Amino acid sequence: MENKDGHCLKKWIIVAVKCGVPELISFARGLLSDFEATKNALTLPWSNGQVEGQINKLKTIKRQMYGRASFALLRKRLLLNIS
C-alpha cells in the first residue's frame, strides 16, 4: 500500500481477513464494503484534499462565531479570508 498500488488491494484484503487480528479483519471488511472507491483512491492521481481543507476552515470559523454573528458576517469573513 505504500506504493499506492490499488491493483494489489484485493490480495491484501484477503491476507488481512485471514490474519486473525480482529481489528484488522474488521478494517479489511470495511474496505470491501466500498471497494471501488478505495481502489480508486489508491490508484488515481486526484485528491479532494483542497476541498476538505476549505470545509475544515469554514467549520472552524463557524464554531468560533457561534451565537455571536449573522450569516452575512460569516460570509464576509470567509470571502475576505480574515482568520
PDB file of N, CA and C in Angstrom:
ATOM      1  N   MET A   1       0.813  -1.201   0.000  1.00  0.00           N
ATOM      2  CA  MET A   1       0.000   0.000   0.000  1.00  0.00           C
ATOM      3  C   MET A   1       0.854   1.262   0.000  1.00  0.00           C
ATOM      4  N   GLU A   2       2.113   1.158   0.415  1.00  0.00           N
ATOM      5  CA  GLU A   2       2.994   2.325   0.419  1.00  0.00           C
ATOM      6  C   GLU A   2       3.218   2.869  -0.986  1.00  0.00           C
ATOM      7  N   ASN A   3       3.162   1.985  -1.977  1.00  0.00           N
ATOM      8  CA  ASN A   3       3.384   2.405  -3.371  1.00  0.00           C
ATOM      9  C   ASN A   3       2.109   2.864  -4.051  1.00  0.00           C
ATOM     10  N   LYS A   4       1.006   2.902  -3.305  1.00  0.00           N
ATOM     11  CA  LYS A   4      -0.307   3.293  -3.838  1.00  0.00           C
ATOM     12  C   LYS A   4      -0.679   2.444  -5.053  1.00  0.00           C
ATOM     13  N   ASP A   5      -0.476   1.140  -4.928  1.00  0.00           N
ATOM     14  CA  ASP A   5      -0.818   0.214  -5.997  1.00  0.00           C
ATOM     15  C   ASP A   5      -2.175  -0.405  -5.702  1.00  0.00           C
ATOM     16  N   GLY A   6      -3.219   0.215  -6.201  1.00  0.00           N
ATOM     17  CA  GLY A   6      -4.576  -0.233  -5.941  1.00  0.00           C
ATOM     18  C   GLY A   6      -4.901  -1.581  -6.539  1.00  0.00           C
ATOM     19  N   HIS A   7      -4.085  -2.034  -7.501  1.00  0.00           N
ATOM     20  CA  HIS A   7      -4.347  -3.318  -8.143  1.00  0.00           C
ATOM     21  C   HIS A   7      -4.042  -4.489  -7.210  1.00  0.00           C
ATOM     22  N   CYS A   8      -3.245  -4.273  -6.182  1.00  0.00           N
ATOM     23  CA  CYS A   8      -2.913  -5.322  -5.208  1.00  0.00           C
ATOM     24  C   CYS A   8      -3.840  -5.286  -3.994  1.00  0.00           C
ATOM     25  N   LEU A   9      -4.781  -4.392  -3.982  1.00  0.00           N
ATOM     26  CA  LEU A   9      -5.650  -4.211  -2.813  1.00  0.00           C
ATOM     27  C   LEU A   9      -6.446  -5.467  -2.484  1.00  0.00           C
ATOM     28  N   LYS A  10      -7.012  -6.092  -3.491  1.00  0.00           N
ATOM     29  CA  LYS A  10      -7.837  -7.288  -3.260  1.00  0.00           C
ATOM     30  C   LYS A  10      -7.012  -8.385  -2.583  1.00  0.00           C
ATOM     31  N   LYS A  11      -5.781  -8.589  -3.037  1.00  0.00           N
ATOM     32  CA  LYS A  11      -4.896  -9.603  -2.431  1.00  0.00           C
ATOM     33  C   LYS A  11      -4.603  -9.249  -0.978  1.00  0.00           C
ATOM     34  N   TRP A  12      -4.347  -7.964  -0.718  1.00  0.00           N
ATOM     35  CA  TRP A  12      -4.043  -7.525   0.646  1.00  0.00           C
ATOM     36  C   TRP A  12      -5.229  -7.764   1.568  1.00  0.00           C
ATOM     37  N   ILE A  13      -6.430  -7.479   1.083  1.00  0.00           N
ATOM     38  CA  ILE A  13      -7.642  -7.671   1.894  1.00  0.00           C
ATOM     39  C   ILE A  13      -7.822  -9.143   2.231  1.00  0.00           C
ATOM     40  N   ILE A  14      -7.590 -10.027   1.274  1.00  0.00           N
ATOM     41  CA  ILE A  14      -7.727 -11.462   1.514  1.00  0.00           C
ATOM     42  C   ILE A  14      -6.743 -11.922   2.591  1.00  0.00           C
ATOM     43  N   VAL A  15      -5.502 -11.452   2.510  1.00  0.00           N
ATOM     44  CA  VAL A  15      -4.490 -11.804   3.513  1.00  0.00           C
ATOM     45  C   VAL A  15      -4.881 -11.233   4.878  1.00  0.00           C
ATOM     46  N   ALA A  16      -5.385 -10.000   4.905  1.00  0.00           N
ATOM     47  CA  ALA A  16      -5.756  -9.351   6.167  1.00  0.00           C
ATOM     48  C   ALA A  16      -6.917 -10.069   6.846  1.00  0.00           C
ATOM     49  N   VAL A  17      -7.878 -10.540   6.070  1.00  0.00           N
ATOM     50  CA  VAL A  17      -9.033 -11.242   6.642  1.00  0.00           C
ATOM     51  C   VAL A  17      -8.607 -12.562   7.277  1.00  0.00           C
ATOM     52  N   LYS A  18      -7.567 -13.181   6.743  1.00  0.00           N
ATOM     53  CA  LYS A  18      -7.091 -14.471   7.261  1.00  0.00           C
ATOM     54  C   LYS A  18      -6.063 -14.340   8.385  1.00  0.00           C
ATOM     55  N   CYS A  19      -5.664 -13.115   8.741  1.00  0.00           N
ATOM     56  CA  CYS A  19      -4.551 -12.931   9.685  1.00  0.00           C
ATOM     57  C   CYS A  19      -4.896 -13.272  11.136  1.00  0.00           C
ATOM     58  N   GLY A  20      -6.161 -13.156  11.528  1.00  0.00           N
ATOM     59  CA  GLY A  20      -6.547 -13.497  12.886  1.00  0.00           C
ATOM     60  C   GLY A  20      -6.612 -12.324  13.850  1.00  0.00           C
ATOM     61  N   VAL A  21      -6.252 -11.124  13.411  1.00  0.00           N
ATOM     62  CA  VAL A  21      -6.331  -9.934  14.259  1.00  0.00           C
ATOM     63  C   VAL A  21      -7.714  -9.307  14.034  1.00  0.00           C
ATOM     64  N   PRO A  22      -8.581  -9.301  15.062  1.00  0.00           N
ATOM     65  CA  PRO A  22      -9.961  -8.848  14.875  1.00  0.00           C
ATOM     66  C   PRO A  22     -10.078  -7.423  14.320  1.00  0.00           C
ATOM     67  N   GLU A  23      -9.232  -6.517  14.789  1.00  0.00           N
ATOM     68  CA  GLU A  23      -9.304  -5.131  14.320  1.00  0.00           C
ATOM     69  C   GLU A  23      -8.938  -5.024  12.837  1.00  0.00           C
ATOM     70  N   LEU A  24      -7.938  -5.776  12.423  1.00  0.00           N
ATOM     71  CA  LEU A  24      -7.516  -5.756  11.024  1.00  0.00           C
ATOM     72  C   LEU A  24      -8.559  -6.409  10.128  1.00  0.00           C
ATOM     73  N   ILE A  25      -9.163  -7.465  10.609  1.00  0.00           N
ATOM     74  CA  ILE A  25     -10.233  -8.129   9.859  1.00  0.00           C
ATOM     75  C   ILE A  25     -11.400  -7.175   9.661  1.00  0.00           C
ATOM     76  N   SER A  26     -11.780  -6.473  10.706  1.00  0.00           N
ATOM     77  CA  SER A  26     -12.876  -5.504  10.616  1.00  0.00           C
ATOM     78  C   SER A  26     -12.545  -4.387   9.628  1.00  0.00           C
ATOM     79  N   PHE A  27     -11.317  -3.897   9.682  1.00  0.00           N
ATOM     80  CA  PHE A  27     -10.875  -2.845   8.756  1.00  0.00           C
ATOM     81  C   PHE A  27     -10.926  -3.340   7.311  1.00  0.00           C
ATOM     82  N   ALA A  28     -10.425  -4.548   7.069  1.00  0.00           N
ATOM     83  CA  ALA A  28     -10.409  -5.112   5.717  1.00  0.00           C
ATOM     84  C   ALA A  28     -11.825  -5.302   5.182  1.00  0.00           C
ATOM     85  N   ARG A  29     -12.723  -5.764   6.023  1.00  0.00           N
ATOM     86  CA  ARG A  29     -14.124  -5.932   5.585  1.00  0.00           C
ATOM     87  C   ARG A  29     -14.769  -4.580   5.287  1.00  0.00           C
ATOM     88  N   GLY A  30     -14.386  -3.558   6.040  1.00  0.00           N
ATOM     89  CA  GLY A  30     -14.880  -2.212   5.765  1.00  0.00           C
ATOM     90  C   GLY A  30     -14.415  -1.704   4.413  1.00  0.00           C
ATOM     91  N   LEU A  31     -13.180  -2.034   4.053  1.00  0.00           N
ATOM     92  CA  LEU A  31     -12.675  -1.648   2.730  1.00  0.00           C
ATOM     93  C   LEU A  31     -13.459  -2.340   1.626  1.00  0.00           C
ATOM     94  N   LEU A  32     -13.861  -3.574   1.872  1.00  0.00           N
ATOM     95  CA  LEU A  32     -14.643  -4.314   0.869  1.00  0.00           C
ATOM     96  C   LEU A  32     -16.019  -3.704   0.644  1.00  0.00           C
ATOM     97  N   SER A  33     -16.567  -3.050   1.663  1.00  0.00           N
ATOM     98  CA  SER A  33     -17.918  -2.501   1.531  1.00  0.00           C
ATOM     99  C   SER A  33     -17.988  -1.419   0.451  1.00  0.00           C
ATOM    100  N   ASP A  34     -16.890  -0.727   0.208  1.00  0.00           N
ATOM    101  CA  ASP A  34     -16.849   0.260  -0.881  1.00  0.00           C
ATOM    102  C   ASP A  34     -15.524   0.089  -1.617  1.00  0.00           C
ATOM    103  N   PHE A  35     -15.340  -1.088  -2.178  1.00  0.00           N
ATOM    104  CA  PHE A  35     -14.074  -1.485  -2.765  1.00  0.00           C
ATOM    105  C   PHE A  35     -13.633  -0.565  -3.903  1.00  0.00           C
ATOM    106  N   GLU A  36     -14.540  -0.237  -4.807  1.00  0.00           N
ATOM    107  CA  GLU A  36     -14.161   0.576  -5.968  1.00  0.00           C
ATOM    108  C   GLU A  36     -13.633   1.950  -5.559  1.00  0.00           C
ATOM    109  N   ALA A  37     -14.280   2.581  -4.598  1.00  0.00           N
ATOM    110  CA  ALA A  37     -13.822   3.896  -4.138  1.00  0.00           C
ATOM    111  C   ALA A  37     -12.448   3.793  -3.480  1.00  0.00           C
ATOM    112  N   THR A  38     -12.235   2.749  -2.684  1.00  0.00           N
ATOM    113  CA  THR A  38     -10.948   2.557  -2.031  1.00  0.00           C
ATOM    114  C   THR A  38      -9.858   2.292  -3.058  1.00  0.00           C
ATOM    115  N   LYS A  39     -10.156   1.459  -4.030  1.00  0.00           N
ATOM    116  CA  LYS A  39      -9.191   1.148  -5.090  1.00  0.00           C
ATOM    117  C   LYS A  39      -8.847   2.411  -5.884  1.00  0.00           C
ATOM    118  N   ASN A  40      -9.856   3.208  -6.208  1.00  0.00           N
ATOM    119  CA  ASN A  40      -9.619   4.443  -6.953  1.00  0.00           C
ATOM    120  C   ASN A  40      -8.774   5.430  -6.156  1.00  0.00           C
ATOM    121  N   ALA A  41      -8.981   5.488  -4.854  1.00  0.00           N
ATOM    122  CA  ALA A  41      -8.194   6.390  -4.009  1.00  0.00           C
ATOM    123  C   ALA A  41      -6.718   6.017  -4.036  1.00  0.00           C
ATOM    124  N   LEU A  42      -6.436   4.734  -4.166  1.00  0.00           N
ATOM    125  CA  LEU A  42      -5.052   4.275  -4.203  1.00  0.00           C
ATOM    126  C   LEU A  42      -4.448   4.303  -5.605  1.00  0.00           C
ATOM    127  N   THR A  43      -5.281   4.328  -6.626  1.00  0.00           N
ATOM    128  CA  THR A  43      -4.802   4.212  -7.995  1.00  0.00           C
ATOM    129  C   THR A  43      -4.744   5.546  -8.728  1.00  0.00           C
ATOM    130  N   LEU A  44      -5.781   6.346  -8.584  1.00  0.00           N
ATOM    131  CA  LEU A  44      -5.886   7.582  -9.363  1.00  0.00           C
ATOM    132  C   LEU A  44      -5.083   8.721  -8.736  1.00  0.00           C
ATOM    133  N   PRO A  45      -4.622   9.662  -9.545  1.00  0.00           N
ATOM    134  CA  PRO A  45      -3.772  10.743  -9.036  1.00  0.00           C
ATOM    135  C   PRO A  45      -4.533  11.887  -8.368  1.00  0.00           C
ATOM    136  N   TRP A  46      -5.854  11.908  -8.465  1.00  0.00           N
ATOM    137  CA  TRP A  46      -6.625  13.030  -7.953  1.00  0.00           C
ATOM    138  C   TRP A  46      -6.882  12.901  -6.461  1.00  0.00           C
ATOM    139  N   SER A  47      -7.076  14.058  -5.824  1.00  0.00           N
ATOM    140  CA  SER A  47      -7.341  14.083  -4.394  1.00  0.00           C
ATOM    141  C   SER A  47      -8.370  15.174  -4.103  1.00  0.00           C
ATOM    142  N   ASN A  48      -9.153  15.003  -3.062  1.00  0.00           N
ATOM    143  CA  ASN A  48     -10.100  16.038  -2.659  1.00  0.00           C
ATOM    144  C   ASN A  48      -9.578  16.784  -1.435  1.00  0.00           C
ATOM    145  N   GLY A  49      -8.275  16.759  -1.226  1.00  0.00           N
ATOM    146  CA  GLY A  49      -7.660  17.406  -0.079  1.00  0.00           C
ATOM    147  C   GLY A  49      -7.926  18.896  -0.005  1.00  0.00           C
ATOM    148  N   GLN A  50      -7.895  19.586  -1.140  1.00  0.00           N
ATOM    149  CA  GLN A  50      -8.139  21.030  -1.165  1.00  0.00           C
ATOM    150  C   GLN A  50      -9.559  21.346  -0.705  1.00  0.00           C
ATOM    151  N   VAL A  51     -10.518  20.566  -1.175  1.00  0.00           N
ATOM    152  CA  VAL A  51     -11.918  20.771  -0.781  1.00  0.00           C
ATOM    153  C   VAL A  51     -12.088  20.518   0.715  1.00  0.00           C
ATOM    154  N   GLU A  52     -11.502  19.435   1.211  1.00  0.00           N
ATOM    155  CA  GLU A  52     -11.600  19.113   2.639  1.00  0.00           C
ATOM    156  C   GLU A  52     -10.995  20.220   3.491  1.00  0.00           C
ATOM    157  N   GLY A  53      -9.895  20.811   3.027  1.00  0.00           N
ATOM    158  CA  GLY A  53      -9.269  21.907   3.760  1.00  0.00           C
ATOM    159  C   GLY A  53     -10.168  23.133   3.844  1.00  0.00           C
ATOM    160  N   GLN A  54     -10.837  23.451   2.748  1.00  0.00           N
ATOM    161  CA  GLN A  54     -11.744  24.601   2.739  1.00  0.00           C
ATOM    162  C   GLN A  54     -12.942  24.360   3.663  1.00  0.00           C
ATOM    163  N   ILE A  55     -13.464  23.147   3.653  1.00  0.00           N
ATOM    164  CA  ILE A  55     -14.596  22.816   4.532  1.00  0.00           C
ATOM    165  C   ILE A  55     -14.170  22.901   5.992  1.00  0.00           C
ATOM    166  N   ASN A  56     -12.981  22.405   6.309  1.00  0.00           N
ATOM    167  CA  ASN A  56     -12.469  22.469   7.674  1.00  0.00           C
ATOM    168  C   ASN A  56     -12.325  23.921   8.128  1.00  0.00           C
ATOM    169  N   LYS A  57     -11.813  24.767   7.248  1.00  0.00           N
ATOM    170  CA  LYS A  57     -11.653  26.190   7.563  1.00  0.00           C
ATOM    171  C   LYS A  57     -13.013  26.834   7.844  1.00  0.00           C
ATOM    172  N   LEU A  58     -13.994  26.559   6.994  1.00  0.00           N
ATOM    173  CA  LEU A  58     -15.340  27.104   7.172  1.00  0.00           C
ATOM    174  C   LEU A  58     -15.932  26.675   8.513  1.00  0.00           C
ATOM    175  N   LYS A  59     -15.822  25.394   8.831  1.00  0.00           N
ATOM    176  CA  LYS A  59     -16.392  24.885  10.087  1.00  0.00           C
ATOM    177  C   LYS A  59     -15.700  25.485  11.309  1.00  0.00           C
ATOM    178  N   THR A  60     -14.384  25.672  11.211  1.00  0.00           N
ATOM    179  CA  THR A  60     -13.646  26.267  12.327  1.00  0.00           C
ATOM    180  C   THR A  60     -14.109  27.689  12.589  1.00  0.00           C
ATOM    181  N   ILE A  61     -14.224  28.482  11.534  1.00  0.00           N
ATOM    182  CA  ILE A  61     -14.676  29.870  11.678  1.00  0.00           C
ATOM    183  C   ILE A  61     -16.116  29.907  12.189  1.00  0.00           C
ATOM    184  N   LYS A  62     -16.947  29.019  11.665  1.00  0.00           N
ATOM    185  CA  LYS A  62     -18.348  28.958  12.093  1.00  0.00           C
ATOM    186  C   LYS A  62     -18.450  28.659  13.591  1.00  0.00           C
ATOM    187  N   ARG A  63     -17.623  27.737  14.076  1.00  0.00           N
ATOM    188  CA  ARG A  63     -17.626  27.414  15.512  1.00  0.00           C
ATOM    189  C   ARG A  63     -17.159  28.595  16.362  1.00  0.00           C
ATOM    190  N   GLN A  64     -16.159  29.319  15.867  1.00  0.00           N
ATOM    191  CA  GLN A  64     -15.652  30.478  16.596  1.00  0.00           C
ATOM    192  C   GLN A  64     -16.713  31.561  16.725  1.00  0.00           C
ATOM    193  N   MET A  65     -17.562  31.683  15.712  1.00  0.00           N
ATOM    194  CA  MET A  65     -18.558  32.759  15.682  1.00  0.00           C
ATOM    195  C   MET A  65     -19.914  32.330  16.237  1.00  0.00           C
ATOM    196  N   TYR A  66     -20.034  31.098  16.699  1.00  0.00           N
ATOM    197  CA  TYR A  66     -21.327  30.571  17.102  1.00  0.00           C
ATOM    198  C   TYR A  66     -22.045  31.494  18.078  1.00  0.00           C
ATOM    199  N   GLY A  67     -23.274  31.875  17.740  1.00  0.00           N
ATOM    200  CA  GLY A  67     -24.121  32.675  18.615  1.00  0.00           C
ATOM    201  C   GLY A  67     -23.771  34.149  18.674  1.00  0.00           C
ATOM    202  N   ARG A  68     -22.759  34.586  17.946  1.00  0.00           N
ATOM    203  CA  ARG A  68     -22.315  35.972  18.039  1.00  0.00           C
ATOM    204  C   ARG A  68     -22.576  36.794  16.791  1.00  0.00           C
ATOM    205  N   ALA A  69     -22.821  36.137  15.679  1.00  0.00           N
ATOM    206  CA  ALA A  69     -22.904  36.903  14.437  1.00  0.00           C
ATOM    207  C   ALA A  69     -23.905  36.275  13.474  1.00  0.00           C
ATOM    208  N   SER A  70     -24.187  37.015  12.432  1.00  0.00           N
ATOM    209  CA  SER A  70     -25.146  36.557  11.433  1.00  0.00           C
ATOM    210  C   SER A  70     -24.419  35.853  10.287  1.00  0.00           C
ATOM    211  N   PHE A  71     -25.211  35.294   9.395  1.00  0.00           N
ATOM    212  CA  PHE A  71     -24.650  34.646   8.218  1.00  0.00           C
ATOM    213  C   PHE A  71     -23.891  35.647   7.356  1.00  0.00           C
ATOM    214  N   ALA A  72     -24.388  36.866   7.279  1.00  0.00           N
ATOM    215  CA  ALA A  72     -23.732  37.891   6.459  1.00  0.00           C
ATOM    216  C   ALA A  72     -22.291  38.144   6.931  1.00  0.00           C
ATOM    217  N   LEU A  73     -22.085  38.192   8.240  1.00  0.00           N
ATOM    218  CA  LEU A  73     -20.734  38.410   8.763  1.00  0.00           C
ATOM    219  C   LEU A  73     -19.840  37.188   8.508  1.00  0.00           C
ATOM    220  N   LEU A  74     -20.412  35.999   8.663  1.00  0.00           N
ATOM    221  CA  LEU A  74     -19.659  34.784   8.362  1.00  0.00           C
ATOM    222  C   LEU A  74     -19.223  34.782   6.906  1.00  0.00           C
ATOM    223  N   ARG A  75     -20.112  35.156   6.015  1.00  0.00           N
ATOM    224  CA  ARG A  75     -19.807  35.212   4.581  1.00  0.00           C
ATOM    225  C   ARG A  75     -18.689  36.212   4.311  1.00  0.00           C
ATOM    226  N   LYS A  76     -18.775  37.398   4.895  1.00  0.00           N
ATOM    227  CA  LYS A  76     -17.738  38.413   4.709  1.00  0.00           C
ATOM    228  C   LYS A  76     -16.394  37.934   5.226  1.00  0.00           C
ATOM    229  N   ARG A  77     -16.423  37.288   6.366  1.00  0.00           N
ATOM    230  CA  ARG A  77     -15.179  36.816   6.962  1.00  0.00           C
ATOM    231  C   ARG A  77     -14.500  35.767   6.080  1.00  0.00           C
ATOM    232  N   LEU A  78     -15.303  34.877   5.481  1.00  0.00           N
ATOM    233  CA  LEU A  78     -14.738  33.877   4.604  1.00  0.00           C
ATOM    234  C   LEU A  78     -14.226  34.482   3.293  1.00  0.00           C
ATOM    235  N   LEU A  79     -14.998  35.394   2.721  1.00  0.00           N
ATOM    236  CA  LEU A  79     -14.600  35.996   1.461  1.00  0.00           C
ATOM    237  C   LEU A  79     -13.358  36.875   1.594  1.00  0.00           C
ATOM    238  N   LEU A  80     -13.218  37.554   2.738  1.00  0.00           N
ATOM    239  CA  LEU A  80     -12.052  38.403   2.964  1.00  0.00           C
ATOM    240  C   LEU A  80     -10.867  37.630   3.518  1.00  0.00           C
ATOM    241  N   ASN A  81     -11.104  36.341   3.862  1.00  0.00           N
ATOM    242  CA  ASN A  81     -10.072  35.465   4.394  1.00  0.00           C
ATOM    243  C   ASN A  81      -9.460  36.026   5.673  1.00  0.00           C
ATOM    244  N   ILE A  82     -10.311  36.515   6.569  1.00  0.00           N
ATOM    245  CA  ILE A  82      -9.873  37.020   7.867  1.00  0.00           C
ATOM    246  C   ILE A  82      -9.889  35.867   8.851  1.00  0.00           C
ATOM    247  N   SER A  83      -8.764  35.577   9.444  1.00  0.00           N
ATOM    248  CA  SER A  83      -8.695  34.454  10.384  1.00  0.00           C
ATOM    249  C   SER A  83      -8.752  34.915  11.809  1.00  0.00           C
TER     250      SER A  83
END
